Amino acid sequence: MKRDTLWRGSALLLLVALSLVGTLLGIAWRRTHPARDTPNLTVTFLNVGDGDCALVRTPEGHVILLDAGSTQAAPVVVAALKQQNIDTVDLLVLLSPEETSIGGVPALLSSGLRVTQVWDNSVSGTSGVRRDALEAIRRRHIPSSTASGGDTIQVGEMLFVTALWPPSAGPAARRDPLVCRINYGCTAFVFEGAATVEAERDLIGQVGGPLECSGPCTDLVLQVATHAEGSPGPELLRRSGPAAAVFSSGPGNTPALAALHRLQAAGAAIWRTDTQGTVTVTANGRVSPVITAEHL
């Protein structure tokens, strides 16, 4: 009788363990393998001149905004959101403290746009433009947190935004802007934003693997820094192997010829908002994404 009871108990524990493993594997699979009947993920790099602003619409209809452009570019961002009938941003990621990334925040919030939460960079030193942006967020009681390498935030059921850099401690923690990654099935996006050459070197040395397109990933789209001479460097391109690179650029912030040559040598398709207009990447997570550009 005791042996029978022990056997039943062991079998029950085995079933529970198998069920738990299956659940965990199912979660991991859903994070990297979208279902065949899911809508597309779109990432739109808005043509905001000398600034950065990327609009992400998830397959479930959630909205992520990475940077907000400059103060002067705010009307362009507001118009783009209205054109797509967007009145709520589920996550606003402020990759950089630069005016060209954060300057548009007050105008966006004054337009009536609702923001559910903010991910901020931890760069020390506060300019007047940055103070205005953070004050606009505080006045509207929007939950805000500082992101650092290794942090992940879930938007909806299917999409995860991961901060790759900077680390939570050390000199880079208060010096370098955020570098983030979004995975969707076989397509990945790395937002290098305003990363400097120094930040890129440290990122490669300490992060490594998360830059690469491995596992289900077959196509990586890289948003590259426009202003930093020497970026993106050969080692970052070798590690990440981007299928495409997008420059959020303007008349006063054009890509360096050396950077264009390095990307061409790496086999990456080059897209530029200063010459091609707004760039949109449409991904279904199963085949290579479709990239288009138009002057809106």
C-alpha atoms as a PDB file:
ATOM      1  CA  MET A   1       0.000   0.000   0.000  1.00  0.00           C
ATOM      2  CA  LYS A   2       2.825   2.391   0.965  1.00  0.00           C
ATOM      3  CA  ARG A   3       4.649   1.620  -2.283  1.00  0.00           C
ATOM      4  CA  ASP A   4       1.460   2.314  -4.267  1.00  0.00           C
ATOM      5  CA  THR A   5       0.942   5.608  -2.427  1.00  0.00           C
ATOM      6  CA  LEU A   6       4.560   6.629  -3.028  1.00  0.00           C
ATOM      7  CA  TRP A   7       4.247   5.768  -6.718  1.00  0.00           C
ATOM      8  CA  ARG A   8       1.087   7.859  -7.067  1.00  0.00           C
ATOM      9  CA  GLY A   9       2.738  10.767  -5.259  1.00  0.00           C
ATOM     10  CA  SER A  10       5.791  10.585  -7.490  1.00  0.00           C
ATOM     11  CA  ALA A  11       3.628  10.409 -10.609  1.00  0.00           C
ATOM     12  CA  LEU A  12       1.652  13.453  -9.463  1.00  0.00           C
ATOM     13  CA  LEU A  13       4.846  15.437  -8.847  1.00  0.00           C
ATOM     14  CA  LEU A  14       6.131  14.415 -12.278  1.00  0.00           C
ATOM     15  CA  LEU A  15       2.929  15.595 -13.940  1.00  0.00           C
ATOM     16  CA  VAL A  16       3.100  18.931 -12.114  1.00  0.00           C
ATOM     17  CA  ALA A  17       6.746  19.376 -13.138  1.00  0.00           C
ATOM     18  CA  LEU A  18       6.007  18.531 -16.784  1.00  0.00           C
ATOM     19  CA  SER A  19       3.074  20.935 -16.778  1.00  0.00           C
ATOM     20  CA  LEU A  20       5.264  23.717 -15.393  1.00  0.00           C
ATOM     21  CA  VAL A  21       7.982  23.072 -17.968  1.00  0.00           C
ATOM     22  CA  GLY A  22       5.403  23.086 -20.740  1.00  0.00           C
ATOM     23  CA  THR A  23       3.990  26.391 -19.543  1.00  0.00           C
ATOM     24  CA  LEU A  24       7.429  27.999 -19.421  1.00  0.00           C
ATOM     25  CA  LEU A  25       8.326  26.692 -22.876  1.00  0.00           C
ATOM     26  CA  GLY A  26       5.016  27.991 -24.191  1.00  0.00           C
ATOM     27  CA  ILE A  27       5.719  31.462 -22.842  1.00  0.00           C
ATOM     28  CA  ALA A  28       9.211  31.462 -24.374  1.00  0.00           C
ATOM     29  CA  TRP A  29       7.822  30.287 -27.713  1.00  0.00           C
ATOM     30  CA  ARG A  30       5.135  33.002 -27.783  1.00  0.00           C
ATOM     31  CA  ARG A  31       7.749  35.668 -27.048  1.00  0.00           C
ATOM     32  CA  THR A  32       9.716  34.744 -30.181  1.00  0.00           C
ATOM     33  CA  HIS A  33       7.191  33.002 -32.483  1.00  0.00           C
ATOM     34  CA  PRO A  34       4.077  35.062 -33.217  1.00  0.00           C
ATOM     35  CA  ALA A  35       0.977  33.104 -34.149  1.00  0.00           C
ATOM     36  CA  ARG A  36       0.208  32.855 -37.839  1.00  0.00           C
ATOM     37  CA  ASP A  37      -3.049  34.778 -37.503  1.00  0.00           C
ATOM     38  CA  THR A  38      -1.553  37.783 -35.686  1.00  0.00           C
ATOM     39  CA  PRO A  39      -1.430  41.209 -37.366  1.00  0.00           C
ATOM     40  CA  ASN A  40       1.822  42.868 -38.274  1.00  0.00           C
ATOM     41  CA  LEU A  41       4.238  44.803 -36.123  1.00  0.00           C
ATOM     42  CA  THR A  42       5.133  48.182 -37.622  1.00  0.00           C
ATOM     43  CA  VAL A  43       8.047  50.405 -36.677  1.00  0.00           C
ATOM     44  CA  THR A  44       7.930  53.863 -38.240  1.00  0.00           C
ATOM     45  CA  PHE A  45      10.994  56.116 -38.125  1.00  0.00           C
ATOM     46  CA  LEU A  46       9.426  59.540 -38.456  1.00  0.00           C
ATOM     47  CA  ASN A  47      11.056  62.228 -40.577  1.00  0.00           C
ATOM     48  CA  VAL A  48      11.577  64.798 -37.821  1.00  0.00           C
ATOM     49  CA  GLY A  49      14.652  66.538 -39.229  1.00  0.00           C
ATOM     50  CA  ASP A  50      17.640  66.704 -36.899  1.00  0.00           C
ATOM     51  CA  GLY A  51      16.133  64.415 -34.281  1.00  0.00           C
ATOM     52  CA  ASP A  52      14.895  60.964 -33.372  1.00  0.00           C
ATOM     53  CA  CYS A  53      11.412  59.518 -33.063  1.00  0.00           C
ATOM     54  CA  ALA A  54      10.349  55.930 -33.756  1.00  0.00           C
ATOM     55  CA  LEU A  55       6.723  54.844 -33.527  1.00  0.00           C
ATOM     56  CA  VAL A  56       6.019  51.179 -32.791  1.00  0.00           C
ATOM     57  CA  ARG A  57       2.548  49.667 -33.231  1.00  0.00           C
ATOM     58  CA  THR A  58       2.272  46.173 -31.832  1.00  0.00           C
ATOM     59  CA  PRO A  59       0.156  43.380 -33.353  1.00  0.00           C
ATOM     60  CA  GLU A  60      -2.320  43.909 -30.501  1.00  0.00           C
ATOM     61  CA  GLY A  61      -2.657  47.624 -31.180  1.00  0.00           C
ATOM     62  CA  HIS A  62      -0.436  48.914 -28.387  1.00  0.00           C
ATOM     63  CA  VAL A  63       1.807  51.900 -29.075  1.00  0.00           C
ATOM     64  CA  ILE A  64       5.438  52.521 -28.108  1.00  0.00           C
ATOM     65  CA  LEU A  65       7.185  55.804 -28.845  1.00  0.00           C
ATOM     66  CA  LEU A  66      10.985  55.892 -28.715  1.00  0.00           C
ATOM     67  CA  ASP A  67      12.033  59.536 -28.314  1.00  0.00           C
ATOM     68  CA  ALA A  68       9.847  62.485 -29.250  1.00  0.00           C
ATOM     69  CA  GLY A  69      11.923  64.565 -31.619  1.00  0.00           C
ATOM     70  CA  SER A  70      12.957  68.160 -31.027  1.00  0.00           C
ATOM     71  CA  THR A  71      10.782  71.055 -29.906  1.00  0.00           C
ATOM     72  CA  GLN A  72      10.523  72.213 -33.518  1.00  0.00           C
ATOM     73  CA  ALA A  73       9.562  68.720 -34.717  1.00  0.00           C
ATOM     74  CA  ALA A  74       6.692  68.265 -32.244  1.00  0.00           C
ATOM     75  CA  PRO A  75       3.972  69.286 -34.777  1.00  0.00           C
ATOM     76  CA  VAL A  76       5.234  66.576 -37.155  1.00  0.00           C
ATOM     77  CA  VAL A  77       4.971  63.916 -34.445  1.00  0.00           C
ATOM     78  CA  VAL A  78       1.532  65.122 -33.319  1.00  0.00           C
ATOM     79  CA  ALA A  79       0.279  65.054 -36.926  1.00  0.00           C
ATOM     80  CA  ALA A  80       1.659  61.544 -37.496  1.00  0.00           C
ATOM     81  CA  LEU A  81      -0.073  60.220 -34.373  1.00  0.00           C
ATOM     82  CA  LYS A  82      -3.381  61.854 -35.330  1.00  0.00           C
ATOM     83  CA  GLN A  83      -3.111  60.472 -38.862  1.00  0.00           C
ATOM     84  CA  GLN A  84      -2.949  56.980 -37.350  1.00  0.00           C
ATOM     85  CA  ASN A  85      -5.749  57.747 -34.858  1.00  0.00           C
ATOM     86  CA  ILE A  86      -3.408  57.299 -31.899  1.00  0.00           C
ATOM     87  CA  ASP A  87      -4.505  59.048 -28.717  1.00  0.00           C
ATOM     88  CA  THR A  88      -2.646  56.842 -26.217  1.00  0.00           C
ATOM     89  CA  VAL A  89       1.008  55.803 -25.994  1.00  0.00           C
ATOM     90  CA  ASP A  90       1.472  52.751 -23.781  1.00  0.00           C
ATOM     91  CA  LEU A  91       5.217  53.319 -23.349  1.00  0.00           C
ATOM     92  CA  LEU A  92       7.336  56.400 -24.033  1.00  0.00           C
ATOM     93  CA  VAL A  93      11.061  55.580 -24.091  1.00  0.00           C
ATOM     94  CA  LEU A  94      13.435  58.540 -23.762  1.00  0.00           C
ATOM     95  CA  LEU A  95      16.655  57.078 -25.112  1.00  0.00           C
ATOM     96  CA  SER A  96      18.690  60.256 -24.847  1.00  0.00           C
ATOM     97  CA  PRO A  97      18.623  63.548 -22.909  1.00  0.00           C
ATOM     98  CA  GLU A  98      19.466  65.474 -26.090  1.00  0.00           C
ATOM     99  CA  GLU A  99      17.062  68.210 -27.192  1.00  0.00           C
ATOM    100  CA  THR A 100      16.587  66.427 -30.512  1.00  0.00           C
ATOM    101  CA  SER A 101      15.204  63.402 -28.656  1.00  0.00           C
ATOM    102  CA  ILE A 102      13.305  64.863 -25.717  1.00  0.00           C
ATOM    103  CA  GLY A 103      12.409  68.410 -26.768  1.00  0.00           C
ATOM    104  CA  GLY A 104       9.033  67.455 -28.219  1.00  0.00           C
ATOM    105  CA  VAL A 105       7.683  65.887 -25.007  1.00  0.00           C
ATOM    106  CA  PRO A 106       5.875  68.963 -23.566  1.00  0.00           C
ATOM    107  CA  ALA A 107       4.111  69.722 -26.858  1.00  0.00           C
ATOM    108  CA  LEU A 108       3.072  66.092 -27.298  1.00  0.00           C
ATOM    109  CA  LEU A 109       1.518  65.978 -23.844  1.00  0.00           C
ATOM    110  CA  SER A 110      -0.136  69.384 -24.345  1.00  0.00           C
ATOM    111  CA  SER A 111      -1.766  68.056 -27.523  1.00  0.00           C
ATOM    112  CA  GLY A 112      -3.922  65.750 -25.406  1.00  0.00           C
ATOM    113  CA  LEU A 113      -1.885  62.607 -26.002  1.00  0.00           C
ATOM    114  CA  ARG A 114      -2.166  60.191 -23.091  1.00  0.00           C
ATOM    115  CA  VAL A 115       0.986  58.368 -21.992  1.00  0.00           C
ATOM    116  CA  THR A 116       0.652  55.341 -19.723  1.00  0.00           C
ATOM    117  CA  GLN A 117       4.279  55.085 -18.589  1.00  0.00           C
ATOM    118  CA  VAL A 118       7.746  56.465 -19.301  1.00  0.00           C
ATOM    119  CA  TRP A 119      11.140  54.783 -19.481  1.00  0.00           C
ATOM    120  CA  ASP A 120      13.844  57.399 -18.970  1.00  0.00           C
ATOM    121  CA  ASN A 121      17.606  57.315 -19.451  1.00  0.00           C
ATOM    122  CA  SER A 122      19.874  57.985 -16.481  1.00  0.00           C
ATOM    123  CA  VAL A 123      22.314  60.447 -18.072  1.00  0.00           C
ATOM    124  CA  SER A 124      23.453  62.989 -15.474  1.00  0.00           C
ATOM    125  CA  GLY A 125      23.170  66.731 -16.014  1.00  0.00           C
ATOM    126  CA  THR A 126      19.886  68.386 -16.781  1.00  0.00           C
ATOM    127  CA  SER A 127      19.407  70.981 -19.507  1.00  0.00           C
ATOM    128  CA  GLY A 128      16.481  73.383 -19.557  1.00  0.00           C
ATOM    129  CA  VAL A 129      14.853  71.339 -22.316  1.00  0.00           C
ATOM    130  CA  ARG A 130      15.201  68.143 -20.297  1.00  0.00           C
ATOM    131  CA  ARG A 131      13.811  69.833 -17.184  1.00  0.00           C
ATOM    132  CA  ASP A 132      10.798  71.008 -19.181  1.00  0.00           C
ATOM    133  CA  ALA A 133      10.174  67.501 -20.514  1.00  0.00           C
ATOM    134  CA  LEU A 134      10.431  65.854 -17.101  1.00  0.00           C
ATOM    135  CA  GLU A 135       8.261  68.543 -15.526  1.00  0.00           C
ATOM    136  CA  ALA A 136       5.574  67.979 -18.184  1.00  0.00           C
ATOM    137  CA  ILE A 137       5.619  64.266 -17.340  1.00  0.00           C
ATOM    138  CA  ARG A 138       5.465  64.960 -13.586  1.00  0.00           C
ATOM    139  CA  ARG A 139       2.559  67.415 -13.882  1.00  0.00           C
ATOM    140  CA  ARG A 140       0.468  64.753 -15.568  1.00  0.00           C
ATOM    141  CA  HIS A 141       1.387  62.163 -12.916  1.00  0.00           C
ATOM    142  CA  ILE A 142       2.693  59.735 -15.516  1.00  0.00           C
ATOM    143  CA  PRO A 143       4.563  56.805 -13.925  1.00  0.00           C
ATOM    144  CA  SER A 144       8.242  57.120 -14.854  1.00  0.00           C
ATOM    145  CA  SER A 145      11.222  54.899 -14.133  1.00  0.00           C
ATOM    146  CA  THR A 146      14.898  54.900 -15.058  1.00  0.00           C
ATOM    147  CA  ALA A 147      15.913  51.986 -17.288  1.00  0.00           C
ATOM    148  CA  SER A 148      19.310  50.322 -17.443  1.00  0.00           C
ATOM    149  CA  GLY A 149      20.857  47.288 -19.091  1.00  0.00           C
ATOM    150  CA  GLY A 150      18.969  44.063 -18.414  1.00  0.00           C
ATOM    151  CA  ASP A 151      15.641  45.724 -17.668  1.00  0.00           C
ATOM    152  CA  THR A 152      12.679  44.419 -19.658  1.00  0.00           C
ATOM    153  CA  ILE A 153       9.185  45.821 -19.916  1.00  0.00           C
ATOM    154  CA  GLN A 154       6.219  43.995 -21.405  1.00  0.00           C
ATOM    155  CA  VAL A 155       3.760  45.830 -23.639  1.00  0.00           C
ATOM    156  CA  GLY A 156       0.613  43.787 -24.127  1.00  0.00           C
ATOM    157  CA  GLU A 157       0.843  40.010 -24.298  1.00  0.00           C
ATOM    158  CA  MET A 158       3.306  39.649 -27.151  1.00  0.00           C
ATOM    159  CA  LEU A 159       5.989  42.334 -27.102  1.00  0.00           C
ATOM    160  CA  PHE A 160       8.926  42.967 -24.791  1.00  0.00           C
ATOM    161  CA  VAL A 161      11.268  45.951 -24.816  1.00  0.00           C
ATOM    162  CA  THR A 162      14.714  45.214 -23.377  1.00  0.00           C
ATOM    163  CA  ALA A 163      17.340  47.751 -22.356  1.00  0.00           C
ATOM    164  CA  LEU A 164      20.795  46.565 -23.441  1.00  0.00           C
ATOM    165  CA  TRP A 165      22.833  49.523 -22.223  1.00  0.00           C
ATOM    166  CA  PRO A 166      23.980  51.263 -20.053  1.00  0.00           C
ATOM    167  CA  PRO A 167      24.627  49.150 -16.939  1.00  0.00           C
ATOM    168  CA  SER A 168      22.960  50.066 -13.670  1.00  0.00           C
ATOM    169  CA  ALA A 169      26.265  51.024 -12.019  1.00  0.00           C
ATOM    170  CA  GLY A 170      29.646  52.430 -12.997  1.00  0.00           C
ATOM    171  CA  PRO A 171      30.668  55.504 -15.017  1.00  0.00           C
ATOM    172  CA  ALA A 172      28.586  54.536 -18.051  1.00  0.00           C
ATOM    173  CA  ALA A 173      25.384  54.404 -15.992  1.00  0.00           C
ATOM    174  CA  ARG A 174      25.223  58.215 -15.785  1.00  0.00           C
ATOM    175  CA  ARG A 175      27.020  58.927 -19.061  1.00  0.00           C
ATOM    176  CA  ASP A 176      25.531  56.855 -21.872  1.00  0.00           C
ATOM    177  CA  PRO A 177      22.075  56.999 -23.462  1.00  0.00           C
ATOM    178  CA  LEU A 178      19.808  53.967 -23.615  1.00  0.00           C
ATOM    179  CA  VAL A 179      20.207  51.245 -26.218  1.00  0.00           C
ATOM    180  CA  CYS A 180      17.090  49.063 -26.528  1.00  0.00           C
ATOM    181  CA  ARG A 181      16.013  45.955 -28.396  1.00  0.00           C
ATOM    182  CA  ILE A 182      12.615  44.646 -29.505  1.00  0.00           C
ATOM    183  CA  ASN A 183      12.144  41.074 -30.772  1.00  0.00           C
ATOM    184  CA  TYR A 184       9.257  39.922 -32.918  1.00  0.00           C
ATOM    185  CA  GLY A 185       9.645  36.388 -34.250  1.00  0.00           C
ATOM    186  CA  CYS A 186      12.367  36.338 -36.888  1.00  0.00           C
ATOM    187  CA  THR A 187      12.766  40.130 -36.833  1.00  0.00           C
ATOM    188  CA  ALA A 188      14.637  42.158 -34.228  1.00  0.00           C
ATOM    189  CA  PHE A 189      15.146  45.892 -33.810  1.00  0.00           C
ATOM    190  CA  VAL A 190      18.060  47.517 -32.001  1.00  0.00           C
ATOM    191  CA  PHE A 191      17.690  51.213 -31.250  1.00  0.00           C
ATOM    192  CA  GLU A 192      21.183  52.598 -30.840  1.00  0.00           C
ATOM    193  CA  GLY A 193      19.858  56.150 -30.817  1.00  0.00           C
ATOM    194  CA  ALA A 194      22.454  58.675 -29.719  1.00  0.00           C
ATOM    195  CA  ALA A 195      25.092  56.180 -28.616  1.00  0.00           C
ATOM    196  CA  THR A 196      28.629  57.522 -28.831  1.00  0.00           C
ATOM    197  CA  VAL A 197      31.647  55.611 -30.094  1.00  0.00           C
ATOM    198  CA  GLU A 198      32.758  55.119 -26.482  1.00  0.00           C
ATOM    199  CA  ALA A 199      29.346  53.784 -25.478  1.00  0.00           C
ATOM    200  CA  GLU A 200      29.301  51.464 -28.485  1.00  0.00           C
ATOM    201  CA  ARG A 201      32.716  50.049 -27.562  1.00  0.00           C
ATOM    202  CA  ASP A 202      31.669  49.393 -23.959  1.00  0.00           C
ATOM    203  CA  LEU A 203      28.365  47.927 -25.110  1.00  0.00           C
ATOM    204  CA  ILE A 204      30.153  45.416 -27.333  1.00  0.00           C
ATOM    205  CA  GLY A 205      32.630  44.495 -24.629  1.00  0.00           C
ATOM    206  CA  GLN A 206      30.075  43.900 -21.887  1.00  0.00           C
ATOM    207  CA  VAL A 207      26.869  42.878 -23.656  1.00  0.00           C
ATOM    208  CA  GLY A 208      27.993  40.924 -26.729  1.00  0.00           C
ATOM    209  CA  GLY A 209      25.374  38.230 -27.359  1.00  0.00           C
ATOM    210  CA  PRO A 210      22.176  40.319 -27.127  1.00  0.00           C
ATOM    211  CA  LEU A 211      23.405  42.341 -30.107  1.00  0.00           C
ATOM    212  CA  GLU A 212      23.390  39.312 -32.346  1.00  0.00           C
ATOM    213  CA  CYS A 213      20.576  37.979 -34.495  1.00  0.00           C
ATOM    214  CA  SER A 214      20.373  34.385 -33.272  1.00  0.00           C
ATOM    215  CA  GLY A 215      17.757  31.742 -32.515  1.00  0.00           C
ATOM    216  CA  PRO A 216      14.557  32.520 -34.418  1.00  0.00           C
ATOM    217  CA  CYS A 217      15.962  35.899 -35.479  1.00  0.00           C
ATOM    218  CA  THR A 218      17.002  36.105 -39.130  1.00  0.00           C
ATOM    219  CA  ASP A 219      16.730  39.856 -39.803  1.00  0.00           C
ATOM    220  CA  LEU A 220      17.964  42.642 -37.548  1.00  0.00           C
ATOM    221  CA  VAL A 221      17.085  46.288 -38.185  1.00  0.00           C
ATOM    222  CA  LEU A 222      19.505  48.740 -36.601  1.00  0.00           C
ATOM    223  CA  GLN A 223      18.711  52.349 -35.820  1.00  0.00           C
ATOM    224  CA  VAL A 224      22.156  53.907 -35.858  1.00  0.00           C
ATOM    225  CA  ALA A 225      23.670  57.025 -34.339  1.00  0.00           C
ATOM    226  CA  THR A 226      24.076  59.763 -36.930  1.00  0.00           C
ATOM    227  CA  HIS A 227      26.168  62.309 -35.064  1.00  0.00           C
ATOM    228  CA  ALA A 228      29.037  60.130 -33.728  1.00  0.00           C
ATOM    229  CA  GLU A 229      32.095  59.820 -35.929  1.00  0.00           C
ATOM    230  CA  GLY A 230      33.102  56.169 -36.172  1.00  0.00           C
ATOM    231  CA  SER A 231      29.650  54.800 -35.305  1.00  0.00           C
ATOM    232  CA  PRO A 232      28.452  52.218 -36.093  1.00  0.00           C
ATOM    233  CA  GLY A 233      31.858  50.585 -35.870  1.00  0.00           C
ATOM    234  CA  PRO A 234      33.055  47.449 -37.676  1.00  0.00           C
ATOM    235  CA  GLU A 235      32.845  45.264 -34.556  1.00  0.00           C
ATOM    236  CA  LEU A 236      29.245  46.241 -33.791  1.00  0.00           C
ATOM    237  CA  LEU A 237      28.307  45.525 -37.395  1.00  0.00           C
ATOM    238  CA  ARG A 238      30.092  42.175 -37.265  1.00  0.00           C
ATOM    239  CA  ARG A 239      28.300  41.233 -34.047  1.00  0.00           C
ATOM    240  CA  SER A 240      24.834  42.423 -35.008  1.00  0.00           C
ATOM    241  CA  GLY A 241      24.916  41.619 -38.734  1.00  0.00           C
ATOM    242  CA  PRO A 242      22.085  44.030 -39.570  1.00  0.00           C
ATOM    243  CA  ALA A 243      19.960  43.344 -42.611  1.00  0.00           C
ATOM    244  CA  ALA A 244      19.023  47.024 -42.664  1.00  0.00           C
ATOM    245  CA  ALA A 245      20.110  50.234 -40.965  1.00  0.00           C
ATOM    246  CA  VAL A 246      17.969  53.331 -40.490  1.00  0.00           C
ATOM    247  CA  PHE A 247      19.381  56.821 -40.015  1.00  0.00           C
ATOM    248  CA  SER A 248      17.026  59.311 -38.360  1.00  0.00           C
ATOM    249  CA  SER A 249      18.777  62.251 -39.948  1.00  0.00           C
ATOM    250  CA  GLY A 250      18.225  65.806 -41.100  1.00  0.00           C
ATOM    251  CA  PRO A 251      19.938  68.685 -42.922  1.00  0.00           C
ATOM    252  CA  GLY A 252      22.251  69.388 -39.993  1.00  0.00           C
ATOM    253  CA  ASN A 253      22.744  65.772 -38.975  1.00  0.00           C
ATOM    254  CA  THR A 254      23.637  63.706 -42.016  1.00  0.00           C
ATOM    255  CA  PRO A 255      25.345  60.294 -41.865  1.00  0.00           C
ATOM    256  CA  ALA A 256      29.117  60.236 -42.210  1.00  0.00           C
ATOM    257  CA  LEU A 257      30.367  58.800 -45.497  1.00  0.00           C
ATOM    258  CA  ALA A 258      32.606  56.374 -43.609  1.00  0.00           C
ATOM    259  CA  ALA A 259      29.575  55.009 -41.724  1.00  0.00           C
ATOM    260  CA  LEU A 260      27.672  54.545 -44.977  1.00  0.00           C
ATOM    261  CA  HIS A 261      30.629  52.683 -46.484  1.00  0.00           C
ATOM    262  CA  ARG A 262      30.928  50.397 -43.446  1.00  0.00           C
ATOM    263  CA  LEU A 263      27.243  49.534 -43.622  1.00  0.00           C
ATOM    264  CA  GLN A 264      27.447  48.851 -47.345  1.00  0.00           C
ATOM    265  CA  ALA A 265      30.456  46.589 -46.772  1.00  0.00           C
ATOM    266  CA  ALA A 266      28.480  44.758 -44.073  1.00  0.00           C
ATOM    267  CA  GLY A 267      25.679  44.099 -46.573  1.00  0.00           C
ATOM    268  CA  ALA A 268      23.080  46.227 -44.773  1.00  0.00           C
ATOM    269  CA  ALA A 269      20.387  48.040 -46.732  1.00  0.00           C
ATOM    270  CA  ILE A 270      20.579  51.753 -45.843  1.00  0.00           C
ATOM    271  CA  TRP A 271      17.541  53.906 -45.193  1.00  0.00           C
ATOM    272  CA  ARG A 272      17.610  57.626 -44.393  1.00  0.00           C
ATOM    273  CA  THR A 273      14.828  59.912 -43.281  1.00  0.00           C
ATOM    274  CA  ASP A 274      16.619  63.016 -44.617  1.00  0.00           C
ATOM    275  CA  THR A 275      16.599  61.796 -48.228  1.00  0.00           C
ATOM    276  CA  GLN A 276      13.792  59.208 -48.281  1.00  0.00           C
ATOM    277  CA  GLY A 277      11.295  60.582 -45.782  1.00  0.00           C
ATOM    278  CA  THR A 278       9.511  58.569 -43.131  1.00  0.00           C
ATOM    279  CA  VAL A 279      10.743  54.948 -43.072  1.00  0.00           C
ATOM    280  CA  THR A 280       8.335  52.155 -42.093  1.00  0.00           C
ATOM    281  CA  VAL A 281       9.319  48.578 -41.304  1.00  0.00           C
ATOM    282  CA  THR A 282       6.463  46.054 -41.412  1.00  0.00           C
ATOM    283  CA  ALA A 283       7.144  42.649 -39.862  1.00  0.00           C
ATOM    284  CA  ASN A 284       4.938  39.576 -39.493  1.00  0.00           C
ATOM    285  CA  GLY A 285       7.589  37.676 -37.535  1.00  0.00           C
ATOM    286  CA  ARG A 286       7.807  34.791 -40.003  1.00  0.00           C
ATOM    287  CA  VAL A 287       9.594  36.181 -43.056  1.00  0.00           C
ATOM    288  CA  SER A 288      11.871  39.119 -43.740  1.00  0.00           C
ATOM    289  CA  PRO A 289      10.256  42.482 -42.995  1.00  0.00           C
ATOM    290  CA  VAL A 290       9.085  44.868 -45.698  1.00  0.00           C
ATOM    291  CA  ILE A 291      10.642  48.347 -45.587  1.00  0.00           C
ATOM    292  CA  THR A 292       9.143  51.351 -47.343  1.00  0.00           C
ATOM    293  CA  ALA A 293       9.722  55.107 -47.304  1.00  0.00           C
ATOM    294  CA  GLU A 294       7.587  58.103 -48.217  1.00  0.00           C
ATOM    295  CA  HIS A 295       7.522  61.847 -47.789  1.00  0.00           C
ATOM    296  CA  LEU A 296       4.413  62.558 -45.721  1.00  0.00           C
END
